[in-house]
PDB file of N, CA and C in Angstrom:
ATOM      1  N   MET A   1      95.539 106.951 151.353  1.00  0.00           N
ATOM      2  CA  MET A   1      95.979 106.507 150.000  1.00  0.00           C
ATOM      3  C   MET A   1      97.382 106.184 150.112  1.00  0.00           C
ATOM      4  N   GLY A   2      97.796 104.845 149.715  1.00  0.00           N
ATOM      5  CA  GLY A   2      98.713 104.367 150.086  1.00  0.00           C
ATOM      6  C   GLY A   2      99.835 104.151 148.859  1.00  0.00           C
ATOM      7  N   ILE A   3     100.781 103.301 149.133  1.00  0.00           N
ATOM      8  CA  ILE A   3     101.733 103.030 148.136  1.00  0.00           C
ATOM      9  C   ILE A   3     100.951 102.594 147.112  1.00  0.00           C
ATOM     10  N   ALA A   4      99.966 101.620 147.136  1.00  0.00           N
ATOM     11  CA  ALA A   4      99.273 101.250 145.861  1.00  0.00           C
ATOM     12  C   ALA A   4      98.308 102.371 145.089  1.00  0.00           C
ATOM     13  N   GLY A   5      97.753 103.349 145.562  1.00  0.00           N
ATOM     14  CA  GLY A   5      97.302 104.513 144.976  1.00  0.00           C
ATOM     15  C   GLY A   5      98.019 105.307 144.413  1.00  0.00           C
ATOM     16  N   GLU A   6      99.524 105.295 144.766  1.00  0.00           N
ATOM     17  CA  GLU A   6     100.526 106.139 144.005  1.00  0.00           C
ATOM     18  C   GLU A   6     101.354 105.532 142.818  1.00  0.00           C
ATOM     19  N   ARG A   7     101.357 104.265 142.856  1.00  0.00           N
ATOM     20  CA  ARG A   7     101.861 103.503 142.093  1.00  0.00           C
ATOM     21  C   ARG A   7     100.832 103.333 141.158  1.00  0.00           C
ATOM     22  N   ARG A   8      99.188 103.254 141.213  1.00  0.00           N
ATOM     23  CA  ARG A   8      98.294 103.303 140.234  1.00  0.00           C
ATOM     24  C   ARG A   8      98.274 104.502 139.369  1.00  0.00           C
ATOM     25  N   ARG A   9      98.365 105.459 140.105  1.00  0.00           N
ATOM     26  CA  ARG A   9      98.596 107.005 139.570  1.00  0.00           C
ATOM     27  C   ARG A   9      99.975 107.264 138.544  1.00  0.00           C
ATOM     28  N   THR A  10     100.861 106.394 138.754  1.00  0.00           N
ATOM     29  CA  THR A  10     102.292 106.538 138.108  1.00  0.00           C
ATOM     30  C   THR A  10     101.956 105.519 136.983  1.00  0.00           C
ATOM     31  N   VAL A  11     101.434 104.487 136.927  1.00  0.00           N
ATOM     32  CA  VAL A  11     101.053 103.543 135.920  1.00  0.00           C
ATOM     33  C   VAL A  11     100.306 104.441 135.159  1.00  0.00           C
ATOM     34  N   TRP A  12      98.993 105.085 135.721  1.00  0.00           N
ATOM     35  CA  TRP A  12      98.134 105.710 134.610  1.00  0.00           C
ATOM     36  C   TRP A  12      98.810 107.037 133.914  1.00  0.00           C
ATOM     37  N   ARG A  13      99.825 107.691 134.742  1.00  0.00           N
ATOM     38  CA  ARG A  13     100.372 108.685 134.070  1.00  0.00           C
ATOM     39  C   ARG A  13     101.314 108.174 133.061  1.00  0.00           C
ATOM     40  N   LEU A  14     102.232 107.104 133.080  1.00  0.00           N
ATOM     41  CA  LEU A  14     102.857 106.694 132.025  1.00  0.00           C
ATOM     42  C   LEU A  14     101.777 105.879 130.891  1.00  0.00           C
ATOM     43  N   VAL A  15     100.857 105.606 131.203  1.00  0.00           N
ATOM     44  CA  VAL A  15     100.022 105.209 129.983  1.00  0.00           C
ATOM     45  C   VAL A  15      99.463 106.332 129.269  1.00  0.00           C
ATOM     46  N   VAL A  16      98.883 107.336 130.042  1.00  0.00           N
ATOM     47  CA  VAL A  16      98.712 108.650 129.224  1.00  0.00           C
ATOM     48  C   VAL A  16      99.611 109.075 128.444  1.00  0.00           C
ATOM     49  N   ALA A  17     100.890 109.152 128.916  1.00  0.00           N
ATOM     50  CA  ALA A  17     102.304 109.829 128.270  1.00  0.00           C
ATOM     51  C   ALA A  17     102.703 108.806 126.740  1.00  0.00           C
ATOM     52  N   GLY A  18     102.203 107.758 127.204  1.00  0.00           N
ATOM     53  CA  GLY A  18     102.592 106.569 126.041  1.00  0.00           C
ATOM     54  C   GLY A  18     101.603 107.003 124.885  1.00  0.00           C
ATOM     55  N   TRP A  19     100.207 107.086 125.142  1.00  0.00           N
ATOM     56  CA  TRP A  19      99.364 107.349 124.338  1.00  0.00           C
ATOM     57  C   TRP A  19      99.607 108.462 123.491  1.00  0.00           C
ATOM     58  N   VAL A  20      99.981 109.786 124.257  1.00  0.00           N
ATOM     59  CA  VAL A  20     100.351 110.763 123.754  1.00  0.00           C
ATOM     60  C   VAL A  20     101.312 110.666 122.464  1.00  0.00           C
ATOM     61  N   LEU A  21     102.446 110.135 122.970  1.00  0.00           N
ATOM     62  CA  LEU A  21     103.622 109.872 122.400  1.00  0.00           C
ATOM     63  C   LEU A  21     103.270 108.986 120.959  1.00  0.00           C
ATOM     64  N   ALA A  22     102.423 108.136 120.962  1.00  0.00           N
ATOM     65  CA  ALA A  22     101.878 107.137 120.217  1.00  0.00           C
ATOM     66  C   ALA A  22     101.219 107.903 119.007  1.00  0.00           C
ATOM     67  N   VAL A  23     100.083 108.981 119.552  1.00  0.00           N
ATOM     68  CA  VAL A  23      99.240 109.671 118.543  1.00  0.00           C
ATOM     69  C   VAL A  23     100.215 110.988 118.009  1.00  0.00           C
ATOM     70  N   ALA A  24     101.207 111.348 118.633  1.00  0.00           N
ATOM     71  CA  ALA A  24     102.062 112.345 117.754  1.00  0.00           C
ATOM     72  C   ALA A  24     103.105 111.737 116.846  1.00  0.00           C
ATOM     73  N   VAL A  25     103.585 110.691 116.999  1.00  0.00           N
ATOM     74  CA  VAL A  25     104.324 109.765 116.285  1.00  0.00           C
ATOM     75  C   VAL A  25     103.394 109.397 114.849  1.00  0.00           C
ATOM     76  N   ALA A  26     102.217 108.907 115.358  1.00  0.00           N
ATOM     77  CA  ALA A  26     101.582 108.374 114.149  1.00  0.00           C
ATOM     78  C   ALA A  26     100.719 109.633 113.166  1.00  0.00           C
ATOM     79  N   GLY A  27     100.848 110.804 113.898  1.00  0.00           N
ATOM     80  CA  GLY A  27     100.022 111.965 113.189  1.00  0.00           C
ATOM     81  C   GLY A  27     101.465 112.203 112.332  1.00  0.00           C
ATOM     82  N   GLY A  28     102.623 112.525 112.764  1.00  0.00           N
ATOM     83  CA  GLY A  28     103.478 112.845 112.050  1.00  0.00           C
ATOM     84  C   GLY A  28     104.248 111.632 110.747  1.00  0.00           C
ATOM     85  N   LEU A  29     103.945 110.663 110.966  1.00  0.00           N
ATOM     86  CA  LEU A  29     103.945 109.629 110.083  1.00  0.00           C
ATOM     87  C   LEU A  29     102.875 109.829 108.924  1.00  0.00           C
ATOM     88  N   THR A  30     101.868 109.967 109.276  1.00  0.00           N
ATOM     89  CA  THR A  30     100.611 110.518 108.389  1.00  0.00           C
ATOM     90  C   THR A  30     101.100 111.577 107.617  1.00  0.00           C
ATOM     91  N   LEU A  31     101.317 112.475 108.017  1.00  0.00           N
ATOM     92  CA  LEU A  31     101.945 113.729 107.356  1.00  0.00           C
ATOM     93  C   LEU A  31     103.069 113.809 106.487  1.00  0.00           C
ATOM     94  N   TRP A  32     103.899 112.733 106.972  1.00  0.00           N
ATOM     95  CA  TRP A  32     105.269 112.496 105.872  1.00  0.00           C
ATOM     96  C   TRP A  32     104.840 111.720 104.702  1.00  0.00           C
ATOM     97  N   MET A  33     104.082 110.643 105.076  1.00  0.00           N
ATOM     98  CA  MET A  33     103.605 109.744 104.056  1.00  0.00           C
ATOM     99  C   MET A  33     102.796 110.515 103.015  1.00  0.00           C
ATOM    100  N   GLN A  34     101.655 111.396 103.567  1.00  0.00           N
ATOM    101  CA  GLN A  34     100.793 111.900 102.545  1.00  0.00           C
ATOM    102  C   GLN A  34     101.743 112.862 101.850  1.00  0.00           C
ATOM    103  N   ASP A  35     102.727 113.546 102.264  1.00  0.00           N
ATOM    104  CA  ASP A  35     103.567 114.618 101.367  1.00  0.00           C
ATOM    105  C   ASP A  35     104.512 113.885 100.603  1.00  0.00           C
ATOM    106  N   SER A  36     104.801 112.349 100.654  1.00  0.00           N
ATOM    107  CA  SER A  36     105.652 111.672 100.120  1.00  0.00           C
ATOM    108  C   SER A  36     105.128 111.312  99.101  1.00  0.00           C
ATOM    109  N   THR A  37     103.618 111.031  98.736  1.00  0.00           N
ATOM    110  CA  THR A  37     102.843 110.520  97.730  1.00  0.00           C
ATOM    111  C   THR A  37     102.489 111.690  96.719  1.00  0.00           C
ATOM    112  N   GLU A  38     102.699 112.960  96.862  1.00  0.00           N
ATOM    113  CA  GLU A  38     102.434 114.076  96.281  1.00  0.00           C
ATOM    114  C   GLU A  38     103.557 113.803  94.528  1.00  0.00           C
ATOM    115  N   PRO A  39     102.997 114.063  93.649  1.00  0.00           N
ATOM    116  CA  PRO A  39     103.896 113.887  92.796  1.00  0.00           C
ATOM    117  C   PRO A  39     105.008 115.094  92.553  1.00  0.00           C
ATOM    118  N   ARG A  40     106.381 114.375  92.339  1.00  0.00           N
ATOM    119  CA  ARG A  40     107.467 115.567  91.819  1.00  0.00           C
ATOM    120  C   ARG A  40     107.495 115.817  90.373  1.00  0.00           C
ATOM    121  N   GLY A  41     108.030 117.010  90.265  1.00  0.00           N
ATOM    122  CA  GLY A  41     108.382 117.060  88.796  1.00  0.00           C
ATOM    123  C   GLY A  41     107.488 117.719  87.999  1.00  0.00           C
ATOM    124  N   PRO A  42     107.535 117.563  86.817  1.00  0.00           N
ATOM    125  CA  PRO A  42     106.947 118.390  85.881  1.00  0.00           C
ATOM    126  C   PRO A  42     105.338 118.252  85.837  1.00  0.00           C
ATOM    127  N   TYR A  43     105.036 116.996  86.565  1.00  0.00           N
ATOM    128  CA  TYR A  43     103.430 116.703  86.438  1.00  0.00           C
ATOM    129  C   TYR A  43     102.630 117.139  87.200  1.00  0.00           C
ATOM    130  N   VAL A  44     101.631 117.972  86.647  1.00  0.00           N
ATOM    131  CA  VAL A  44     100.767 118.587  87.370  1.00  0.00           C
ATOM    132  C   VAL A  44      99.095 118.081  87.099  1.00  0.00           C
ATOM    133  N   TRP A  45      98.218 118.348  87.787  1.00  0.00           N
ATOM    134  CA  TRP A  45      96.719 118.277  87.526  1.00  0.00           C
ATOM    135  C   TRP A  45      96.173 119.391  86.274  1.00  0.00           C
ATOM    136  N   GLU A  46      95.747 118.660  85.770  1.00  0.00           N
ATOM    137  CA  GLU A  46      94.792 120.016  84.843  1.00  0.00           C
ATOM    138  C   GLU A  46      93.477 119.940  84.880  1.00  0.00           C
ATOM    139  N   GLU A  47      92.768 121.176  85.039  1.00  0.00           N
ATOM    140  CA  GLU A  47      91.360 121.285  84.887  1.00  0.00           C
ATOM    141  C   GLU A  47      90.924 121.652  83.545  1.00  0.00           C
ATOM    142  N   THR A  48      89.961 120.571  83.132  1.00  0.00           N
ATOM    143  CA  THR A  48      89.366 120.332  81.661  1.00  0.00           C
ATOM    144  C   THR A  48      87.756 120.995  82.100  1.00  0.00           C
ATOM    145  N   ASP A  49      87.472 121.391  80.733  1.00  0.00           N
ATOM    146  CA  ASP A  49      85.882 121.437  80.710  1.00  0.00           C
ATOM    147  C   ASP A  49      85.356 120.499  79.985  1.00  0.00           C
ATOM    148  N   PRO A  50      84.292 119.828  80.952  1.00  0.00           N
ATOM    149  CA  PRO A  50      83.371 118.709  80.112  1.00  0.00           C
ATOM    150  C   PRO A  50      83.159 118.685  78.641  1.00  0.00           C
ATOM    151  N   GLY A  51      82.984 119.996  77.964  1.00  0.00           N
ATOM    152  CA  GLY A  51      83.061 119.778  76.412  1.00  0.00           C
ATOM    153  C   GLY A  51      84.302 119.499  75.731  1.00  0.00           C
ATOM    154  N   ASP A  52      85.293 119.716  76.544  1.00  0.00           N
ATOM    155  CA  ASP A  52      86.478 119.212  75.764  1.00  0.00           C
ATOM    156  C   ASP A  52      86.422 117.850  75.200  1.00  0.00           C
ATOM    157  N   ALA A  53      85.668 116.927  75.391  1.00  0.00           N
ATOM    158  CA  ALA A  53      85.869 115.415  75.236  1.00  0.00           C
ATOM    159  C   ALA A  53      85.270 114.931  73.888  1.00  0.00           C
ATOM    160  N   GLN A  54      85.294 116.187  72.969  1.00  0.00           N
ATOM    161  CA  GLN A  54      84.558 115.925  71.341  1.00  0.00           C
ATOM    162  C   GLN A  54      85.740 115.485  70.938  1.00  0.00           C
ATOM    163  N   HIS A  55      86.897 115.357  71.278  1.00  0.00           N
ATOM    164  CA  HIS A  55      88.418 114.975  70.559  1.00  0.00           C
ATOM    165  C   HIS A  55      88.276 113.114  70.565  1.00  0.00           C
ATOM    166  N   LEU A  56      87.599 112.781  71.534  1.00  0.00           N
ATOM    167  CA  LEU A  56      87.630 111.336  71.727  1.00  0.00           C
ATOM    168  C   LEU A  56      86.823 110.533  70.664  1.00  0.00           C
ATOM    169  N   PRO A  57      87.020 109.356  70.571  1.00  0.00           N
ATOM    170  CA  PRO A  57      86.259 108.875  69.726  1.00  0.00           C
ATOM    171  C   PRO A  57      84.945 108.114  70.362  1.00  0.00           C
ATOM    172  N   PRO A  58      84.076 107.844  69.383  1.00  0.00           N
ATOM    173  CA  PRO A  58      82.722 107.773  69.927  1.00  0.00           C
ATOM    174  C   PRO A  58      82.679 106.323  70.524  1.00  0.00           C
ATOM    175  N   CYS A  59      81.852 106.047  71.582  1.00  0.00           N
ATOM    176  CA  CYS A  59      81.633 104.676  72.086  1.00  0.00           C
ATOM    177  C   CYS A  59      81.100 103.681  71.256  1.00  0.00           C
ATOM    178  N   PRO A  60      81.667 102.681  71.406  1.00  0.00           N
ATOM    179  CA  PRO A  60      81.008 101.472  70.447  1.00  0.00           C
ATOM    180  C   PRO A  60      79.611 101.246  70.924  1.00  0.00           C
ATOM    181  N   THR A  61      79.585 100.864  72.136  1.00  0.00           N
ATOM    182  CA  THR A  61      77.995 100.797  72.443  1.00  0.00           C
ATOM    183  C   THR A  61      77.531 101.465  73.090  1.00  0.00           C
ATOM    184  N   PRO A  62      76.372 101.923  73.687  1.00  0.00           N
ATOM    185  CA  PRO A  62      76.128 102.711  74.576  1.00  0.00           C
ATOM    186  C   PRO A  62      76.481 102.114  76.214  1.00  0.00           C
ATOM    187  N   GLN A  63      76.369 100.603  76.157  1.00  0.00           N
ATOM    188  CA  GLN A  63      76.440 100.157  77.504  1.00  0.00           C
ATOM    189  C   GLN A  63      78.203 100.563  78.050  1.00  0.00           C
ATOM    190  N   ALA A  64      79.013 100.705  76.845  1.00  0.00           N
ATOM    191  CA  ALA A  64      80.286 100.977  77.045  1.00  0.00           C
ATOM    192  C   ALA A  64      80.340 102.247  77.672  1.00  0.00           C
ATOM    193  N   CYS A  65      79.904 103.110  77.398  1.00  0.00           N
ATOM    194  CA  CYS A  65      79.958 104.736  77.369  1.00  0.00           C
ATOM    195  C   CYS A  65      79.770 104.714  79.063  1.00  0.00           C
ATOM    196  N   ALA A  66      80.700 105.808  79.601  1.00  0.00           N
ATOM    197  CA  ALA A  66      80.491 105.985  81.044  1.00  0.00           C
ATOM    198  C   ALA A  66      79.083 106.815  81.349  1.00  0.00           C
ATOM    199  N   TYR A  67      78.647 107.635  80.365  1.00  0.00           N
ATOM    200  CA  TYR A  67      77.682 108.490  80.471  1.00  0.00           C
ATOM    201  C   TYR A  67      76.434 108.332  79.520  1.00  0.00           C
ATOM    202  N   GLY A  68      76.707 107.030  79.037  1.00  0.00           N
ATOM    203  CA  GLY A  68      75.547 106.243  78.235  1.00  0.00           C
ATOM    204  C   GLY A  68      75.364 107.124  76.850  1.00  0.00           C
ATOM    205  N   ALA A  69      76.217 107.866  76.139  1.00  0.00           N
ATOM    206  CA  ALA A  69      76.014 108.633  75.125  1.00  0.00           C
ATOM    207  C   ALA A  69      75.989 107.488  73.942  1.00  0.00           C
ATOM    208  N   THR A  70      75.371 107.828  73.028  1.00  0.00           N
ATOM    209  CA  THR A  70      75.587 106.876  72.080  1.00  0.00           C
ATOM    210  C   THR A  70      76.328 107.589  70.764  1.00  0.00           C
ATOM    211  N   PRO A  71      77.017 106.563  69.938  1.00  0.00           N
ATOM    212  CA  PRO A  71      77.984 106.871  68.975  1.00  0.00           C
ATOM    213  C   PRO A  71      77.156 107.801  67.762  1.00  0.00           C
TER     214      PRO A  71
END
């Protein structure tokens, strides 16, 4: 193995190191951006029971209802 083989190995190591660095940065950015989309403040998700929809007005037509309920 001569100078060309050592140079190839060095280039290969640099490519792998660059790929590892790119993956680490992309993963960090993904986590940072994911955390930044979570709501801040008094807003929270509420769990509701499907039976709680009785306070809604009836559907104008069966085709307009999401579940096909008739008025």
